[in-house]
Amino acid sequence: MNEKQKIYGLIEFSQELLCAADSLGCSVDIELANYTATLTLPFLPNWDSNEKDPLNKCLIGPKPADKWKRGDEIIFWGKPTSYPNGNSYVNYTLLEFSIDSTIIDAATQAIYSSFPAWLNLFEKYVMLLTKQHTRNQIYGADGHARLELLLDDANKLKYISSKTSNSIQLIIDQEDVSLHYAQFVEASKLSSKLLKPRLEYQLLLDAYIARRNHDFRKVIIEGASALEVCLTTRIQEEFDSQGIKFGKKLLDKFRMLSGRFELVRVLGIELPDKDYNTIIINPRNDVVHRASYPDRKTTELFINEVESLMNLFTPQLYEI
């Protein structure tokens, strides 16, 4: 039987990951290039019961990486942002593979190649599940996150190089949108399976990015498109449920977003008792037909209601 060797990976995300205490120190299995790895978040500091300066203590790296250094300094895994609840910004996470020693070179290059696609999906699902990184943004250099692979060779770490770009972008959110353990598991699972977000959620991601960039007009446009897709999907499910054979004609008659709302009511699909004309339809029409620029309050009410209706009618985030 061929000998297995440990390969460690350090992931530096393109945007710091805001994690809740219940996810810190936890591990999940992921898959990259058909190789299974354990992904582990760093731990909270060892706070005393009467900690004097808790937010100046750094996160502790997962074992066996808790003593790893860059130069003379211990790796900065991240830092708590609140005490005592333990919400923390995470700078690095640890990957751990066990790979046949005869295929180390081919395996690690395949892992490097597959990492951008996994990361792209993981960060999208984190955004959809938590809503973090969807508001204010402090811009840095453009680019991708970084993966560094290290070979454990007789307890000596050797760096495995790759032509992966390296840059950092810092995002600041104004709400508690920390990544909890269940969300960490879900984002890891969906991205490892390479399941793409369904169309309405891709459009919602575009709305989030627009909100982050203060482009409130685009938030309304993309959010309205996301909701129209969502309502159409729910309506088509109702056609099937009621055995309606002329559904396409109804969709052609009840066009656009306002028509979809009307058709939902015609079909007897239950809607929350809210003034959707004021919250959804009028802001959308003002933007599309009058080239208006909505304010932040209008935009927040709009996107919150879009999220609520999508959670109600098409809660599954991914395509089958």
Protein backbone atom coordinates (compact mmCIF):
# COMPACT_ATOMS: atom_id res chain seq x y z
CA MET A 1 0.00 0.00 0.00
CA ASN A 2 1.36 3.41 -0.98
CA GLU A 3 2.35 5.80 1.78
CA LYS A 4 0.07 8.75 2.47
CA GLN A 5 1.45 12.20 3.13
CA LYS A 6 -0.13 15.21 4.74
CA ILE A 7 -0.74 18.26 2.61
CA TYR A 8 -1.84 21.41 4.40
CA GLY A 9 -3.47 24.38 2.79
CA LEU A 10 -3.82 27.92 4.06
CA ILE A 11 -6.83 29.74 2.61
CA GLU A 12 -6.81 33.52 2.75
CA PHE A 13 -10.27 34.65 1.61
CA SER A 14 -10.77 37.57 -0.77
CA GLN A 15 -12.87 39.13 2.01
CA GLU A 16 -12.39 38.52 5.69
CA LEU A 17 -14.91 35.96 6.93
CA LEU A 18 -17.06 37.18 9.81
CA CYS A 19 -17.72 34.08 11.92
CA ALA A 20 -19.93 33.46 14.93
CA ALA A 21 -18.47 31.75 17.98
CA ASP A 22 -20.43 28.57 17.27
CA SER A 23 -18.49 28.03 14.03
CA LEU A 24 -15.00 28.91 15.30
CA GLY A 25 -12.78 25.87 15.83
CA CYS A 26 -15.17 23.69 13.81
CA SER A 27 -14.26 21.46 10.87
CA VAL A 28 -16.09 20.31 7.77
CA ASP A 29 -15.11 18.01 4.93
CA ILE A 30 -14.81 19.58 1.48
CA GLU A 31 -13.73 18.30 -1.92
CA LEU A 32 -11.23 19.83 -4.32
CA ALA A 33 -10.30 18.08 -7.59
CA ASN A 34 -11.85 14.86 -6.21
CA TYR A 35 -9.59 14.97 -3.15
CA THR A 36 -11.28 15.15 0.24
CA ALA A 37 -9.93 17.67 2.73
CA THR A 38 -10.83 18.86 6.19
CA LEU A 39 -11.45 22.61 6.41
CA THR A 40 -11.02 24.02 9.92
CA LEU A 41 -11.66 27.51 11.28
CA PRO A 42 -9.39 29.03 13.95
CA PHE A 43 -10.35 29.10 17.63
CA LEU A 44 -11.31 31.93 19.94
CA PRO A 45 -8.58 33.16 22.30
CA ASN A 46 -8.31 31.62 25.75
CA TRP A 47 -10.18 34.38 27.52
CA ASP A 48 -10.12 34.65 31.31
CA SER A 49 -13.37 35.10 33.21
CA ASN A 50 -12.40 38.73 33.86
CA GLU A 51 -10.54 39.45 30.63
CA LYS A 52 -9.12 42.99 30.68
CA ASP A 53 -8.53 43.54 26.96
CA PRO A 54 -10.31 40.68 25.12
CA LEU A 55 -10.39 42.23 21.65
CA ASN A 56 -6.63 42.55 21.52
CA LYS A 57 -6.16 38.79 21.74
CA CYS A 58 -5.83 37.08 18.35
CA LEU A 59 -7.58 33.93 17.22
CA ILE A 60 -5.69 30.68 17.73
CA GLY A 61 -4.83 28.56 14.71
CA PRO A 62 -6.16 25.01 14.33
CA LYS A 63 -3.82 22.23 15.31
CA PRO A 64 -1.26 21.41 14.00
CA ALA A 65 -0.89 24.95 12.64
CA ASP A 66 -1.35 26.91 15.88
CA LYS A 67 2.38 27.63 16.16
CA TRP A 68 3.11 28.28 12.49
CA LYS A 69 4.94 31.50 11.74
CA ARG A 70 5.54 33.91 8.90
CA GLY A 71 9.06 35.05 9.54
CA ASP A 72 9.33 35.60 13.27
CA GLU A 73 5.61 36.18 13.85
CA ILE A 74 2.83 33.68 14.56
CA ILE A 75 0.35 33.61 11.65
CA PHE A 76 -2.43 36.13 12.18
CA TRP A 77 -5.51 33.91 11.93
CA GLY A 78 -7.91 36.69 12.79
CA LYS A 79 -9.31 38.70 15.66
CA PRO A 80 -12.49 38.92 17.75
CA THR A 81 -14.78 41.85 17.05
CA SER A 82 -17.04 41.51 20.07
CA TYR A 83 -16.90 40.21 23.64
CA PRO A 84 -18.17 38.00 25.15
CA ASN A 85 -20.22 36.63 22.22
CA GLY A 86 -17.05 35.97 20.23
CA ASN A 87 -17.95 37.17 16.72
CA SER A 88 -14.62 37.30 14.89
CA TYR A 89 -13.03 38.21 11.60
CA VAL A 90 -11.16 35.21 10.20
CA ASN A 91 -8.13 35.85 7.99
CA TYR A 92 -7.02 32.26 7.42
CA THR A 93 -8.51 28.79 7.52
CA LEU A 94 -6.67 25.47 7.41
CA LEU A 95 -7.07 22.66 4.90
CA GLU A 96 -5.72 19.17 5.58
CA PHE A 97 -5.35 16.47 2.90
CA SER A 98 -3.94 12.97 3.07
CA ILE A 99 -2.58 12.13 -0.39
CA ASP A 100 -0.73 9.19 -1.91
CA SER A 101 2.98 10.10 -1.92
CA THR A 102 3.38 8.96 -5.55
CA ILE A 103 0.96 11.58 -6.91
CA ILE A 104 1.77 14.60 -4.75
CA ASP A 105 2.80 16.87 -7.63
CA ALA A 106 -0.17 16.07 -9.88
CA ALA A 107 -2.63 16.18 -6.99
CA THR A 108 -1.50 19.53 -5.59
CA GLN A 109 -1.53 21.22 -9.01
CA ALA A 110 -5.04 19.85 -9.60
CA ILE A 111 -6.09 21.23 -6.21
CA TYR A 112 -4.66 24.64 -7.10
CA SER A 113 -6.54 24.55 -10.41
CA SER A 114 -9.88 23.62 -8.84
CA PHE A 115 -9.63 26.05 -5.93
CA PRO A 116 -10.93 29.22 -7.70
CA ALA A 117 -14.21 27.53 -8.70
CA TRP A 118 -14.73 26.13 -5.19
CA LEU A 119 -13.93 29.48 -3.58
CA ASN A 120 -16.23 31.38 -5.95
CA LEU A 121 -19.18 29.18 -4.96
CA PHE A 122 -18.27 29.10 -1.26
CA GLU A 123 -18.16 32.89 -0.99
CA LYS A 124 -21.44 33.21 -2.92
CA TYR A 125 -23.21 30.82 -0.57
CA VAL A 126 -21.74 32.58 2.48
CA MET A 127 -23.15 35.83 1.11
CA LEU A 128 -26.57 34.28 0.43
CA LEU A 129 -26.76 32.46 3.76
CA THR A 130 -25.48 35.26 6.00
CA LYS A 131 -25.88 38.50 3.97
CA GLN A 132 -22.36 39.53 4.98
CA HIS A 133 -20.35 41.63 2.49
CA THR A 134 -23.53 43.00 0.90
CA ARG A 135 -23.38 46.56 2.18
CA ASN A 136 -20.57 49.06 2.69
CA GLN A 137 -17.24 48.29 1.12
CA ILE A 138 -13.69 49.50 1.61
CA TYR A 139 -11.89 48.84 -1.63
CA GLY A 140 -8.43 47.34 -1.87
CA ALA A 141 -6.64 45.73 -4.76
CA ASP A 142 -8.71 43.67 -7.14
CA GLY A 143 -8.03 39.97 -7.37
CA HIS A 144 -8.69 36.52 -6.02
CA ALA A 145 -8.15 34.92 -2.65
CA ARG A 146 -5.05 32.87 -2.01
CA LEU A 147 -4.42 29.20 -1.41
CA GLU A 148 -1.00 28.07 -0.21
CA LEU A 149 -0.22 24.35 -0.11
CA LEU A 150 2.43 22.90 2.21
CA LEU A 151 3.90 19.40 2.24
CA ASP A 152 4.57 17.77 5.59
CA ASP A 153 7.91 16.06 4.86
CA ALA A 154 9.21 14.32 7.99
CA ASN A 155 7.64 17.06 10.14
CA LYS A 156 9.26 19.77 8.01
CA LEU A 157 6.89 21.94 5.98
CA LYS A 158 7.81 22.57 2.36
CA TYR A 159 5.99 25.14 0.29
CA ILE A 160 4.39 23.91 -2.97
CA SER A 161 4.31 26.77 -5.45
CA SER A 162 1.61 27.77 -7.93
CA LYS A 163 0.87 30.75 -10.17
CA THR A 164 -2.05 31.96 -8.09
CA SER A 165 -2.72 35.71 -7.90
CA ASN A 166 -2.61 37.32 -4.47
CA SER A 167 -4.53 40.34 -3.24
CA ILE A 168 -6.80 41.50 -0.44
CA GLN A 169 -10.15 43.28 -0.35
CA LEU A 170 -11.72 44.37 2.95
CA ILE A 171 -15.49 44.51 3.41
CA ILE A 172 -17.30 45.98 6.41
CA ASP A 173 -20.92 45.07 7.16
CA GLN A 174 -23.15 47.12 9.43
CA GLU A 175 -25.23 44.26 10.84
CA ASP A 176 -24.55 41.02 12.69
CA VAL A 177 -24.14 38.75 9.67
CA SER A 178 -21.64 36.31 11.15
CA LEU A 179 -21.22 32.85 9.68
CA HIS A 180 -22.72 30.22 12.01
CA TYR A 181 -21.75 26.57 12.09
CA ALA A 182 -24.77 25.29 10.16
CA GLN A 183 -24.14 27.89 7.43
CA PHE A 184 -20.44 26.99 7.36
CA VAL A 185 -21.41 23.34 6.77
CA GLU A 186 -23.98 24.26 4.10
CA ALA A 187 -21.69 26.61 2.15
CA SER A 188 -18.88 24.05 2.24
CA LYS A 189 -21.15 21.22 1.08
CA LEU A 190 -22.73 23.12 -1.82
CA SER A 191 -19.45 24.52 -3.10
CA SER A 192 -17.74 21.11 -2.87
CA LYS A 193 -20.54 19.65 -5.00
CA LEU A 194 -20.06 22.54 -7.48
CA LEU A 195 -23.78 23.31 -7.28
CA LYS A 196 -24.46 26.72 -8.81
CA PRO A 197 -26.96 29.12 -7.24
CA ARG A 198 -30.31 29.04 -9.05
CA LEU A 199 -31.03 31.95 -11.37
CA GLU A 200 -33.03 34.08 -8.93
CA TYR A 201 -30.25 33.84 -6.37
CA GLN A 202 -27.60 34.75 -8.92
CA LEU A 203 -29.65 37.87 -9.64
CA LEU A 204 -29.98 38.52 -5.91
CA LEU A 205 -26.18 38.31 -5.60
CA ASP A 206 -25.94 40.99 -8.31
CA ALA A 207 -28.33 43.12 -6.25
CA TYR A 208 -26.14 42.63 -3.15
CA ILE A 209 -23.03 43.68 -5.05
CA ALA A 210 -24.85 46.77 -6.32
CA ARG A 211 -25.94 47.62 -2.77
CA ARG A 212 -22.38 47.20 -1.57
CA ASN A 213 -21.33 49.70 -4.23
CA HIS A 214 -24.17 52.13 -3.33
CA ASP A 215 -25.78 51.68 -6.76
CA PHE A 216 -29.33 51.64 -5.40
CA ARG A 217 -30.91 51.91 -8.83
CA LYS A 218 -29.23 48.66 -9.91
CA VAL A 219 -30.27 47.03 -6.61
CA ILE A 220 -33.91 47.62 -7.53
CA ILE A 221 -33.46 46.38 -11.11
CA GLU A 222 -31.62 43.18 -10.17
CA GLY A 223 -33.82 42.53 -7.15
CA ALA A 224 -36.98 42.91 -9.22
CA SER A 225 -35.61 40.48 -11.80
CA ALA A 226 -34.79 37.98 -9.05
CA LEU A 227 -38.29 38.24 -7.63
CA GLU A 228 -39.93 37.91 -11.05
CA VAL A 229 -38.03 34.64 -11.64
CA CYS A 230 -39.01 33.46 -8.16
CA LEU A 231 -42.71 34.22 -8.63
CA THR A 232 -42.70 32.63 -12.09
CA THR A 233 -41.23 29.43 -10.67
CA ARG A 234 -43.86 29.34 -7.93
CA ILE A 235 -46.65 30.02 -10.45
CA GLN A 236 -45.46 27.18 -12.70
CA GLU A 237 -45.47 24.85 -9.69
CA GLU A 238 -49.08 25.89 -9.06
CA PHE A 239 -50.00 25.20 -12.71
CA ASP A 240 -48.72 21.66 -12.25
CA SER A 241 -50.49 21.28 -8.91
CA GLN A 242 -53.85 22.44 -10.28
CA GLY A 243 -53.45 20.67 -13.62
CA ILE A 244 -53.67 23.93 -15.58
CA LYS A 245 -52.81 23.27 -19.25
CA PHE A 246 -52.93 26.88 -20.50
CA GLY A 247 -50.28 28.24 -18.14
CA LYS A 248 -48.18 29.80 -20.89
CA LYS A 249 -51.13 31.93 -22.02
CA LEU A 250 -51.65 33.12 -18.45
CA LEU A 251 -47.96 34.01 -18.12
CA ASP A 252 -48.17 35.93 -21.40
CA LYS A 253 -51.22 37.82 -20.15
CA PHE A 254 -49.89 38.61 -16.67
CA ARG A 255 -46.53 39.94 -17.75
CA MET A 256 -43.77 41.69 -15.83
CA LEU A 257 -43.48 41.84 -12.06
CA SER A 258 -46.84 43.49 -11.35
CA GLY A 259 -48.57 40.89 -13.53
CA ARG A 260 -46.85 38.07 -11.69
CA PHE A 261 -48.17 39.41 -8.37
CA GLU A 262 -51.67 39.60 -9.86
CA LEU A 263 -51.43 36.04 -11.20
CA VAL A 264 -50.25 34.76 -7.82
CA ARG A 265 -53.46 36.13 -6.31
CA VAL A 266 -55.63 34.80 -9.15
CA LEU A 267 -54.26 31.30 -8.56
CA GLY A 268 -54.99 31.53 -4.83
CA ILE A 269 -51.35 31.36 -3.76
CA GLU A 270 -51.17 32.82 -0.26
CA LEU A 271 -49.20 36.05 0.09
CA PRO A 272 -48.33 37.90 3.31
CA ASP A 273 -50.68 40.83 3.96
CA LYS A 274 -48.42 43.68 2.84
CA ASP A 275 -48.64 46.68 0.52
CA TYR A 276 -46.48 45.30 -2.30
CA ASN A 277 -47.38 48.20 -4.59
CA THR A 278 -45.63 50.62 -2.24
CA ILE A 279 -42.75 48.34 -1.23
CA ILE A 280 -42.00 46.54 -4.51
CA ILE A 281 -43.95 47.58 -7.61
CA ASN A 282 -43.73 51.39 -7.39
CA PRO A 283 -39.95 51.54 -6.69
CA ARG A 284 -39.35 49.12 -9.57
CA ASN A 285 -41.54 51.13 -11.98
CA ASP A 286 -39.97 54.43 -10.89
CA VAL A 287 -36.51 53.09 -11.63
CA VAL A 288 -37.36 51.41 -14.94
CA HIS A 289 -39.85 53.86 -16.42
CA ARG A 290 -38.89 57.20 -14.84
CA ALA A 291 -35.13 56.72 -14.43
CA SER A 292 -35.42 57.66 -10.75
CA TYR A 293 -32.70 57.05 -8.18
CA PRO A 294 -34.11 55.52 -4.99
CA ASP A 295 -32.81 56.42 -1.55
CA ARG A 296 -31.27 53.97 0.89
CA LYS A 297 -34.44 53.51 2.97
CA THR A 298 -36.57 52.64 -0.07
CA THR A 299 -33.89 50.27 -1.31
CA GLU A 300 -33.53 48.49 2.04
CA LEU A 301 -37.30 47.97 2.36
CA PHE A 302 -37.39 46.68 -1.22
CA ILE A 303 -34.53 44.19 -0.95
CA ASN A 304 -35.66 42.94 2.46
CA GLU A 305 -39.07 42.11 1.03
CA VAL A 306 -37.51 40.44 -2.01
CA GLU A 307 -35.47 38.24 0.34
CA SER A 308 -38.57 37.40 2.36
CA LEU A 309 -40.63 36.37 -0.68
CA MET A 310 -37.78 34.32 -2.13
CA ASN A 311 -37.36 32.53 1.20
CA LEU A 312 -41.09 31.81 1.13
CA PHE A 313 -41.52 30.65 -2.47
CA THR A 314 -38.10 29.36 -3.65
CA PRO A 315 -36.01 28.72 -0.52
CA GLN A 316 -33.61 26.28 -2.20
CA LEU A 317 -30.49 28.24 -3.11
CA TYR A 318 -28.99 25.95 -5.72
CA GLU A 319 -29.83 24.45 -9.08
CA ILE A 320 -30.57 20.74 -9.23
